[in-house]
């Protein structure tokens, strides 16, 4: 194996834990789900706590709305291999 391949492999393996949750496109509205601003968050289910994912969604909600998780999926066209889980939240007014 040449040196470049070894360096690339080491970088790929070393970066597995460096990927943090981030905002993406939310899943389309499904029957029975609440309406409102929707937020999608890609994350690694083995590395990211659910609290960290919720905090990221909360940052994406406008104003003082509350991020409420309504869906989770694993469609690879939305989130890449290192962060394959997408959580969808709806932002609702605080009561």
PDB file of N, CA and C in Angstrom:
ATOM      1  N   UNK A   1       0.858  -1.170   0.000  1.00  0.00           N
ATOM      2  CA  UNK A   1       0.000   0.000   0.000  1.00  0.00           C
ATOM      3  C   UNK A   1       0.903   1.231   0.000  1.00  0.00           C
ATOM      4  N   UNK A   2       0.592   2.183  -0.832  1.00  0.00           N
ATOM      5  CA  UNK A   2       1.456   3.361  -0.889  1.00  0.00           C
ATOM      6  C   UNK A   2       1.149   4.321   0.257  1.00  0.00           C
ATOM      7  N   UNK A   3       2.015   5.270   0.453  1.00  0.00           N
ATOM      8  CA  UNK A   3       1.905   6.198   1.596  1.00  0.00           C
ATOM      9  C   UNK A   3       0.648   7.057   1.520  1.00  0.00           C
ATOM     10  N   UNK A   4       0.288   7.507   0.338  1.00  0.00           N
ATOM     11  CA  UNK A   4      -0.908   8.344   0.196  1.00  0.00           C
ATOM     12  C   UNK A   4      -2.160   7.587   0.647  1.00  0.00           C
ATOM     13  N   UNK A   5      -2.267   6.330   0.261  1.00  0.00           N
ATOM     14  CA  UNK A   5      -3.420   5.532   0.660  1.00  0.00           C
ATOM     15  C   UNK A   5      -3.464   5.362   2.178  1.00  0.00           C
ATOM     16  N   UNK A   6      -2.322   5.160   2.804  1.00  0.00           N
ATOM     17  CA  UNK A   6      -2.265   5.009   4.262  1.00  0.00           C
ATOM     18  C   UNK A   6      -2.679   6.304   4.946  1.00  0.00           C
ATOM     19  N   UNK A   7      -2.217   7.441   4.446  1.00  0.00           N
ATOM     20  CA  UNK A   7      -2.571   8.734   5.031  1.00  0.00           C
ATOM     21  C   UNK A   7      -4.069   8.986   4.892  1.00  0.00           C
ATOM     22  N   UNK A   8      -4.631   8.696   3.722  1.00  0.00           N
ATOM     23  CA  UNK A   8      -6.058   8.898   3.503  1.00  0.00           C
ATOM     24  C   UNK A   8      -6.894   7.975   4.388  1.00  0.00           C
ATOM     25  N   UNK A   9      -6.484   6.746   4.547  1.00  0.00           N
ATOM     26  CA  UNK A   9      -7.193   5.802   5.406  1.00  0.00           C
ATOM     27  C   UNK A   9      -7.154   6.264   6.860  1.00  0.00           C
ATOM     28  N   UNK A  10      -5.990   6.701   7.321  1.00  0.00           N
ATOM     29  CA  UNK A  10      -5.854   7.190   8.695  1.00  0.00           C
ATOM     30  C   UNK A  10      -6.719   8.425   8.929  1.00  0.00           C
ATOM     31  N   UNK A  11      -6.767   9.321   7.958  1.00  0.00           N
ATOM     32  CA  UNK A  11      -7.587  10.527   8.089  1.00  0.00           C
ATOM     33  C   UNK A  11      -9.072  10.175   8.134  1.00  0.00           C
ATOM     34  N   UNK A  12      -9.484   9.238   7.309  1.00  0.00           N
ATOM     35  CA  UNK A  12     -10.891   8.832   7.284  1.00  0.00           C
ATOM     36  C   UNK A  12     -11.304   8.175   8.594  1.00  0.00           C
ATOM     37  N   UNK A  13     -10.479   7.287   9.102  1.00  0.00           N
ATOM     38  CA  UNK A  13     -10.792   6.608  10.352  1.00  0.00           C
ATOM     39  C   UNK A  13     -10.716   7.551  11.537  1.00  0.00           C
ATOM     40  N   UNK A  14      -9.759   8.449  11.525  1.00  0.00           N
ATOM     41  CA  UNK A  14      -9.607   9.411  12.615  1.00  0.00           C
ATOM     42  C   UNK A  14     -10.732  10.418  12.659  1.00  0.00           C
ATOM     43  N   UNK A  15     -11.329  10.713  11.521  1.00  0.00           N
ATOM     44  CA  UNK A  15     -12.393  11.700  11.469  1.00  0.00           C
ATOM     45  C   UNK A  15     -13.765  11.165  11.796  1.00  0.00           C
ATOM     46  N   UNK A  16     -13.899   9.878  12.047  1.00  0.00           N
ATOM     47  CA  UNK A  16     -15.206   9.293  12.301  1.00  0.00           C
ATOM     48  C   UNK A  16     -15.902   9.912  13.512  1.00  0.00           C
ATOM     49  N   UNK A  17     -15.156  10.258  14.533  1.00  0.00           N
ATOM     50  CA  UNK A  17     -15.755  10.843  15.720  1.00  0.00           C
ATOM     51  C   UNK A  17     -15.844  12.346  15.663  1.00  0.00           C
ATOM     52  N   UNK A  18     -15.345  12.966  14.618  1.00  0.00           N
ATOM     53  CA  UNK A  18     -15.300  14.419  14.546  1.00  0.00           C
ATOM     54  C   UNK A  18     -16.549  15.029  13.942  1.00  0.00           C
ATOM     55  N   UNK A  19     -17.454  14.235  13.443  1.00  0.00           N
ATOM     56  CA  UNK A  19     -18.635  14.757  12.775  1.00  0.00           C
ATOM     57  C   UNK A  19     -19.710  15.070  13.811  1.00  0.00           C
ATOM     58  N   UNK A  20     -20.092  16.333  13.881  1.00  0.00           N
ATOM     59  CA  UNK A  20     -21.106  16.793  14.819  1.00  0.00           C
ATOM     60  C   UNK A  20     -22.464  16.860  14.120  1.00  0.00           C
ATOM     61  N   UNK A  21     -23.556  16.820  14.877  1.00  0.00           N
ATOM     62  CA  UNK A  21     -24.878  16.980  14.275  1.00  0.00           C
ATOM     63  C   UNK A  21     -24.975  18.318  13.533  1.00  0.00           C
ATOM     64  N   UNK A  22     -25.715  18.341  12.420  1.00  0.00           N
ATOM     65  CA  UNK A  22     -25.886  19.584  11.679  1.00  0.00           C
ATOM     66  C   UNK A  22     -27.249  19.614  11.002  1.00  0.00           C
ATOM     67  N   UNK A  23     -27.703  20.830  10.697  1.00  0.00           N
ATOM     68  CA  UNK A  23     -29.019  21.031  10.087  1.00  0.00           C
ATOM     69  C   UNK A  23     -29.023  20.563   8.640  1.00  0.00           C
ATOM     70  N   UNK A  24     -30.152  20.029   8.224  1.00  0.00           N
ATOM     71  CA  UNK A  24     -30.372  19.576   6.857  1.00  0.00           C
ATOM     72  C   UNK A  24     -31.849  19.775   6.516  1.00  0.00           C
ATOM     73  N   UNK A  25     -32.270  19.290   5.397  1.00  0.00           N
ATOM     74  CA  UNK A  25     -33.674  19.371   4.987  1.00  0.00           C
ATOM     75  C   UNK A  25     -34.488  18.421   5.857  1.00  0.00           C
ATOM     76  N   UNK A  26     -35.601  18.899   6.360  1.00  0.00           N
ATOM     77  CA  UNK A  26     -36.474  18.058   7.183  1.00  0.00           C
ATOM     78  C   UNK A  26     -37.268  17.104   6.295  1.00  0.00           C
ATOM     79  N   UNK A  27     -37.703  16.003   6.862  1.00  0.00           N
ATOM     80  CA  UNK A  27     -38.543  15.055   6.137  1.00  0.00           C
ATOM     81  C   UNK A  27     -39.893  15.711   5.846  1.00  0.00           C
ATOM     82  N   UNK A  28     -40.466  15.394   4.717  1.00  0.00           N
ATOM     83  CA  UNK A  28     -41.761  15.967   4.332  1.00  0.00           C
ATOM     84  C   UNK A  28     -42.832  15.625   5.367  1.00  0.00           C
ATOM     85  N   UNK A  29     -43.802  16.487   5.469  1.00  0.00           N
ATOM     86  CA  UNK A  29     -44.904  16.299   6.399  1.00  0.00           C
ATOM     87  C   UNK A  29     -45.583  14.956   6.145  1.00  0.00           C
ATOM     88  N   UNK A  30     -45.723  14.171   7.198  1.00  0.00           N
ATOM     89  CA  UNK A  30     -46.385  12.874   7.130  1.00  0.00           C
ATOM     90  C   UNK A  30     -47.784  12.998   7.735  1.00  0.00           C
ATOM     91  N   UNK A  31     -48.736  12.173   7.315  1.00  0.00           N
ATOM     92  CA  UNK A  31     -50.095  12.234   7.874  1.00  0.00           C
ATOM     93  C   UNK A  31     -50.070  12.114   9.399  1.00  0.00           C
ATOM     94  N   UNK A  32     -50.829  12.975  10.050  1.00  0.00           N
ATOM     95  CA  UNK A  32     -50.940  12.925  11.509  1.00  0.00           C
ATOM     96  C   UNK A  32     -49.881  13.718  12.254  1.00  0.00           C
ATOM     97  N   UNK A  33     -48.887  14.260  11.557  1.00  0.00           N
ATOM     98  CA  UNK A  33     -47.854  15.048  12.230  1.00  0.00           C
ATOM     99  C   UNK A  33     -48.295  16.502  12.342  1.00  0.00           C
ATOM    100  N   UNK A  34     -47.809  17.187  13.369  1.00  0.00           N
ATOM    101  CA  UNK A  34     -48.157  18.598  13.522  1.00  0.00           C
ATOM    102  C   UNK A  34     -47.518  19.441  12.420  1.00  0.00           C
ATOM    103  N   UNK A  35     -48.170  20.531  12.083  1.00  0.00           N
ATOM    104  CA  UNK A  35     -47.640  21.446  11.079  1.00  0.00           C
ATOM    105  C   UNK A  35     -46.799  22.516  11.764  1.00  0.00           C
ATOM    106  N   UNK A  36     -46.080  23.254  10.984  1.00  0.00           N
ATOM    107  CA  UNK A  36     -45.229  24.324  11.504  1.00  0.00           C
ATOM    108  C   UNK A  36     -43.847  24.235  10.883  1.00  0.00           C
ATOM    109  N   UNK A  37     -42.965  25.134  11.307  1.00  0.00           N
ATOM    110  CA  UNK A  37     -41.594  25.109  10.805  1.00  0.00           C
ATOM    111  C   UNK A  37     -40.982  23.760  11.128  1.00  0.00           C
ATOM    112  N   UNK A  38     -40.364  23.136  10.130  1.00  0.00           N
ATOM    113  CA  UNK A  38     -39.746  21.824  10.310  1.00  0.00           C
ATOM    114  C   UNK A  38     -38.236  21.969  10.193  1.00  0.00           C
ATOM    115  N   UNK A  39     -37.523  21.222  11.024  1.00  0.00           N
ATOM    116  CA  UNK A  39     -36.067  21.258  11.057  1.00  0.00           C
ATOM    117  C   UNK A  39     -35.548  19.831  10.971  1.00  0.00           C
ATOM    118  N   UNK A  40     -34.587  19.590  10.104  1.00  0.00           N
ATOM    119  CA  UNK A  40     -33.946  18.281  10.007  1.00  0.00           C
ATOM    120  C   UNK A  40     -32.526  18.375  10.545  1.00  0.00           C
ATOM    121  N   UNK A  41     -32.091  17.354  11.260  1.00  0.00           N
ATOM    122  CA  UNK A  41     -30.738  17.298  11.819  1.00  0.00           C
ATOM    123  C   UNK A  41     -30.123  15.944  11.471  1.00  0.00           C
ATOM    124  N   UNK A  42     -28.976  15.971  10.776  1.00  0.00           N
ATOM    125  CA  UNK A  42     -28.209  14.748  10.516  1.00  0.00           C
ATOM    126  C   UNK A  42     -27.283  14.515  11.709  1.00  0.00           C
ATOM    127  N   UNK A  43     -27.186  13.258  12.136  1.00  0.00           N
ATOM    128  CA  UNK A  43     -26.296  12.946  13.255  1.00  0.00           C
ATOM    129  C   UNK A  43     -25.902  11.474  13.237  1.00  0.00           C
ATOM    130  N   UNK A  44     -24.866  11.164  14.008  1.00  0.00           N
ATOM    131  CA  UNK A  44     -24.406   9.788  14.170  1.00  0.00           C
ATOM    132  C   UNK A  44     -25.018   9.268  15.460  1.00  0.00           C
ATOM    133  N   UNK A  45     -25.910   8.296  15.348  1.00  0.00           N
ATOM    134  CA  UNK A  45     -26.606   7.760  16.509  1.00  0.00           C
ATOM    135  C   UNK A  45     -25.704   7.088  17.532  1.00  0.00           C
ATOM    136  N   UNK A  46     -24.513   6.682  17.131  1.00  0.00           N
ATOM    137  CA  UNK A  46     -23.583   6.049  18.067  1.00  0.00           C
ATOM    138  C   UNK A  46     -22.708   7.072  18.789  1.00  0.00           C
ATOM    139  N   UNK A  47     -22.551   8.245  18.223  1.00  0.00           N
ATOM    140  CA  UNK A  47     -21.648   9.262  18.767  1.00  0.00           C
ATOM    141  C   UNK A  47     -22.336  10.468  19.387  1.00  0.00           C
ATOM    142  N   UNK A  48     -23.519  10.806  18.916  1.00  0.00           N
ATOM    143  CA  UNK A  48     -24.194  12.022  19.358  1.00  0.00           C
ATOM    144  C   UNK A  48     -25.304  11.702  20.348  1.00  0.00           C
ATOM    145  N   UNK A  49     -25.355  12.452  21.433  1.00  0.00           N
ATOM    146  CA  UNK A  49     -26.439  12.254  22.387  1.00  0.00           C
ATOM    147  C   UNK A  49     -27.712  12.872  21.829  1.00  0.00           C
ATOM    148  N   UNK A  50     -28.843  12.354  22.261  1.00  0.00           N
ATOM    149  CA  UNK A  50     -30.119  12.900  21.810  1.00  0.00           C
ATOM    150  C   UNK A  50     -30.279  14.341  22.281  1.00  0.00           C
ATOM    151  N   UNK A  51     -29.720  14.666  23.425  1.00  0.00           N
ATOM    152  CA  UNK A  51     -29.766  16.041  23.922  1.00  0.00           C
ATOM    153  C   UNK A  51     -28.995  16.975  22.989  1.00  0.00           C
ATOM    154  N   UNK A  52     -27.845  16.549  22.514  1.00  0.00           N
ATOM    155  CA  UNK A  52     -27.043  17.367  21.584  1.00  0.00           C
ATOM    156  C   UNK A  52     -27.800  17.588  20.278  1.00  0.00           C
ATOM    157  N   UNK A  53     -28.493  16.571  19.796  1.00  0.00           N
ATOM    158  CA  UNK A  53     -29.279  16.682  18.568  1.00  0.00           C
ATOM    159  C   UNK A  53     -30.429  17.667  18.785  1.00  0.00           C
ATOM    160  N   UNK A  54     -31.109  17.572  19.934  1.00  0.00           N
ATOM    161  CA  UNK A  54     -32.197  18.486  20.240  1.00  0.00           C
ATOM    162  C   UNK A  54     -31.699  19.926  20.346  1.00  0.00           C
ATOM    163  N   UNK A  55     -30.534  20.124  20.959  1.00  0.00           N
ATOM    164  CA  UNK A  55     -29.960  21.473  21.065  1.00  0.00           C
ATOM    165  C   UNK A  55     -29.696  22.064  19.682  1.00  0.00           C
ATOM    166  N   UNK A  56     -29.200  21.257  18.774  1.00  0.00           N
ATOM    167  CA  UNK A  56     -28.941  21.724  17.409  1.00  0.00           C
ATOM    168  C   UNK A  56     -30.256  22.118  16.731  1.00  0.00           C
ATOM    169  N   UNK A  57     -31.301  21.317  16.921  1.00  0.00           N
ATOM    170  CA  UNK A  57     -32.609  21.639  16.344  1.00  0.00           C
ATOM    171  C   UNK A  57     -33.164  22.914  16.964  1.00  0.00           C
ATOM    172  N   UNK A  58     -32.975  23.070  18.256  1.00  0.00           N
ATOM    173  CA  UNK A  58     -33.479  24.256  18.948  1.00  0.00           C
ATOM    174  C   UNK A  58     -32.849  25.521  18.377  1.00  0.00           C
ATOM    175  N   UNK A  59     -31.576  25.460  18.029  1.00  0.00           N
ATOM    176  CA  UNK A  59     -30.893  26.612  17.426  1.00  0.00           C
ATOM    177  C   UNK A  59     -31.500  26.990  16.078  1.00  0.00           C
ATOM    178  N   UNK A  60     -32.072  26.020  15.380  1.00  0.00           N
ATOM    179  CA  UNK A  60     -32.646  26.262  14.057  1.00  0.00           C
ATOM    180  C   UNK A  60     -34.071  26.814  14.111  1.00  0.00           C
ATOM    181  N   UNK A  61     -34.753  26.651  15.245  1.00  0.00           N
ATOM    182  CA  UNK A  61     -36.120  27.150  15.371  1.00  0.00           C
ATOM    183  C   UNK A  61     -36.111  28.670  15.498  1.00  0.00           C
ATOM    184  N   UNK A  62     -37.057  29.310  14.823  1.00  0.00           N
ATOM    185  CA  UNK A  62     -37.143  30.771  14.854  1.00  0.00           C
ATOM    186  C   UNK A  62     -37.761  31.254  16.161  1.00  0.00           C
ATOM    187  N   UNK A  63     -37.329  32.431  16.594  1.00  0.00           N
ATOM    188  CA  UNK A  63     -37.894  33.051  17.787  1.00  0.00           C
ATOM    189  C   UNK A  63     -37.737  32.201  19.029  1.00  0.00           C
ATOM    190  N   UNK A  64     -38.796  32.158  19.832  1.00  0.00           N
ATOM    191  CA  UNK A  64     -38.727  31.376  21.069  1.00  0.00           C
ATOM    192  C   UNK A  64     -39.500  30.070  20.953  1.00  0.00           C
ATOM    193  N   UNK A  65     -39.620  29.540  19.732  1.00  0.00           N
ATOM    194  CA  UNK A  65     -40.320  28.266  19.506  1.00  0.00           C
ATOM    195  C   UNK A  65     -39.535  27.112  20.119  1.00  0.00           C
ATOM    196  N   UNK A  66     -40.225  26.058  20.437  1.00  0.00           N
ATOM    197  CA  UNK A  66     -39.643  24.873  21.052  1.00  0.00           C
ATOM    198  C   UNK A  66     -39.525  23.754  20.026  1.00  0.00           C
ATOM    199  N   UNK A  67     -38.349  23.156  19.894  1.00  0.00           N
ATOM    200  CA  UNK A  67     -38.118  22.059  18.948  1.00  0.00           C
ATOM    201  C   UNK A  67     -38.628  20.753  19.549  1.00  0.00           C
ATOM    202  N   UNK A  68     -39.594  20.124  18.869  1.00  0.00           N
ATOM    203  CA  UNK A  68     -40.146  18.847  19.314  1.00  0.00           C
ATOM    204  C   UNK A  68     -39.882  17.791  18.251  1.00  0.00           C
ATOM    205  N   UNK A  69     -39.217  16.714  18.641  1.00  0.00           N
ATOM    206  CA  UNK A  69     -38.883  15.636  17.702  1.00  0.00           C
ATOM    207  C   UNK A  69     -40.152  14.901  17.294  1.00  0.00           C
ATOM    208  N   UNK A  70     -40.312  14.710  15.972  1.00  0.00           N
ATOM    209  CA  UNK A  70     -41.511  14.022  15.491  1.00  0.00           C
ATOM    210  C   UNK A  70     -41.200  12.819  14.608  1.00  0.00           C
ATOM    211  N   UNK A  71     -39.942  12.676  14.149  1.00  0.00           N
ATOM    212  CA  UNK A  71     -39.643  11.605  13.202  1.00  0.00           C
ATOM    213  C   UNK A  71     -38.135  11.336  13.171  1.00  0.00           C
ATOM    214  N   UNK A  72     -37.779  10.111  12.816  1.00  0.00           N
ATOM    215  CA  UNK A  72     -36.381   9.722  12.590  1.00  0.00           C
ATOM    216  C   UNK A  72     -36.338   8.815  11.372  1.00  0.00           C
ATOM    217  N   UNK A  73     -35.346   9.020  10.510  1.00  0.00           N
ATOM    218  CA  UNK A  73     -35.204   8.135   9.357  1.00  0.00           C
ATOM    219  C   UNK A  73     -33.726   7.967   9.005  1.00  0.00           C
ATOM    220  N   UNK A  74     -33.465   7.044   8.094  1.00  0.00           N
ATOM    221  CA  UNK A  74     -32.096   6.718   7.707  1.00  0.00           C
ATOM    222  C   UNK A  74     -31.952   6.686   6.194  1.00  0.00           C
ATOM    223  N   UNK A  75     -32.555   7.644   5.490  1.00  0.00           N
ATOM    224  CA  UNK A  75     -32.448   7.709   4.041  1.00  0.00           C
ATOM    225  C   UNK A  75     -31.102   8.326   3.671  1.00  0.00           C
ATOM    226  N   UNK A  76     -30.260   7.577   3.019  1.00  0.00           N
ATOM    227  CA  UNK A  76     -28.885   8.000   2.742  1.00  0.00           C
ATOM    228  C   UNK A  76     -28.773   9.142   1.728  1.00  0.00           C
ATOM    229  N   UNK A  77     -29.840   9.489   1.020  1.00  0.00           N
ATOM    230  CA  UNK A  77     -29.730  10.600   0.085  1.00  0.00           C
ATOM    231  C   UNK A  77     -29.735  11.946   0.809  1.00  0.00           C
ATOM    232  N   UNK A  78     -30.111  11.960   2.074  1.00  0.00           N
ATOM    233  CA  UNK A  78     -30.174  13.197   2.845  1.00  0.00           C
ATOM    234  C   UNK A  78     -28.950  13.390   3.729  1.00  0.00           C
ATOM    235  N   UNK A  79     -28.547  12.365   4.433  1.00  0.00           N
ATOM    236  CA  UNK A  79     -27.415  12.439   5.356  1.00  0.00           C
ATOM    237  C   UNK A  79     -26.319  11.471   4.903  1.00  0.00           C
ATOM    238  N   UNK A  80     -25.054  11.876   5.013  1.00  0.00           N
ATOM    239  CA  UNK A  80     -23.959  11.022   4.548  1.00  0.00           C
ATOM    240  C   UNK A  80     -23.676   9.844   5.487  1.00  0.00           C
ATOM    241  N   UNK A  81     -22.803   8.978   5.062  1.00  0.00           N
ATOM    242  CA  UNK A  81     -22.486   7.732   5.763  1.00  0.00           C
ATOM    243  C   UNK A  81     -22.048   7.925   7.214  1.00  0.00           C
ATOM    244  N   UNK A  82     -21.252   8.938   7.516  1.00  0.00           N
ATOM    245  CA  UNK A  82     -20.751   9.114   8.883  1.00  0.00           C
ATOM    246  C   UNK A  82     -21.800   9.680   9.835  1.00  0.00           C
ATOM    247  N   UNK A  83     -22.836  10.290   9.308  1.00  0.00           N
ATOM    248  CA  UNK A  83     -23.940  10.806  10.125  1.00  0.00           C
ATOM    249  C   UNK A  83     -25.260  10.387   9.466  1.00  0.00           C
ATOM    250  N   UNK A  84     -25.565   9.078   9.470  1.00  0.00           N
ATOM    251  CA  UNK A  84     -26.653   8.550   8.645  1.00  0.00           C
ATOM    252  C   UNK A  84     -28.068   8.753   9.172  1.00  0.00           C
ATOM    253  N   UNK A  85     -28.220   9.224  10.397  1.00  0.00           N
ATOM    254  CA  UNK A  85     -29.543   9.369  10.984  1.00  0.00           C
ATOM    255  C   UNK A  85     -30.052  10.789  10.814  1.00  0.00           C
ATOM    256  N   UNK A  86     -31.310  10.937  10.402  1.00  0.00           N
ATOM    257  CA  UNK A  86     -31.921  12.265  10.311  1.00  0.00           C
ATOM    258  C   UNK A  86     -33.105  12.317  11.260  1.00  0.00           C
ATOM    259  N   UNK A  87     -33.058  13.277  12.168  1.00  0.00           N
ATOM    260  CA  UNK A  87     -34.181  13.529  13.048  1.00  0.00           C
ATOM    261  C   UNK A  87     -34.936  14.740  12.506  1.00  0.00           C
ATOM    262  N   UNK A  88     -36.244  14.670  12.498  1.00  0.00           N
ATOM    263  CA  UNK A  88     -37.065  15.794  12.077  1.00  0.00           C
ATOM    264  C   UNK A  88     -37.801  16.338  13.294  1.00  0.00           C
ATOM    265  N   UNK A  89     -37.732  17.635  13.435  1.00  0.00           N
ATOM    266  CA  UNK A  89     -38.371  18.347  14.537  1.00  0.00           C
ATOM    267  C   UNK A  89     -39.371  19.330  13.961  1.00  0.00           C
ATOM    268  N   UNK A  90     -40.383  19.662  14.734  1.00  0.00           N
ATOM    269  CA  UNK A  90     -41.298  20.743  14.379  1.00  0.00           C
ATOM    270  C   UNK A  90     -41.139  21.799  15.470  1.00  0.00           C
ATOM    271  N   UNK A  91     -41.100  23.054  15.055  1.00  0.00           N
ATOM    272  CA  UNK A  91     -40.942  24.163  15.992  1.00  0.00           C
ATOM    273  C   UNK A  91     -42.336  24.656  16.370  1.00  0.00           C
ATOM    274  N   UNK A  92     -42.664  24.557  17.653  1.00  0.00           N
ATOM    275  CA  UNK A  92     -43.985  24.964  18.132  1.00  0.00           C
ATOM    276  C   UNK A  92     -43.843  26.085  19.154  1.00  0.00           C
ATOM    277  N   UNK A  93     -44.876  26.890  19.251  1.00  0.00           N
ATOM    278  CA  UNK A  93     -44.856  28.009  20.198  1.00  0.00           C
ATOM    279  C   UNK A  93     -44.810  27.474  21.625  1.00  0.00           C
ATOM    280  N   UNK A  94     -43.999  28.140  22.463  1.00  0.00           N
ATOM    281  CA  UNK A  94     -43.938  27.754  23.864  1.00  0.00           C
ATOM    282  C   UNK A  94     -45.262  28.088  24.532  1.00  0.00           C
ATOM    283  N   UNK A  95     -45.698  27.232  25.441  1.00  0.00           N
ATOM    284  CA  UNK A  95     -46.992  27.421  26.114  1.00  0.00           C
ATOM    285  C   UNK A  95     -46.801  27.993  27.480  1.00  0.00           C
TER     286      UNK A  95
END
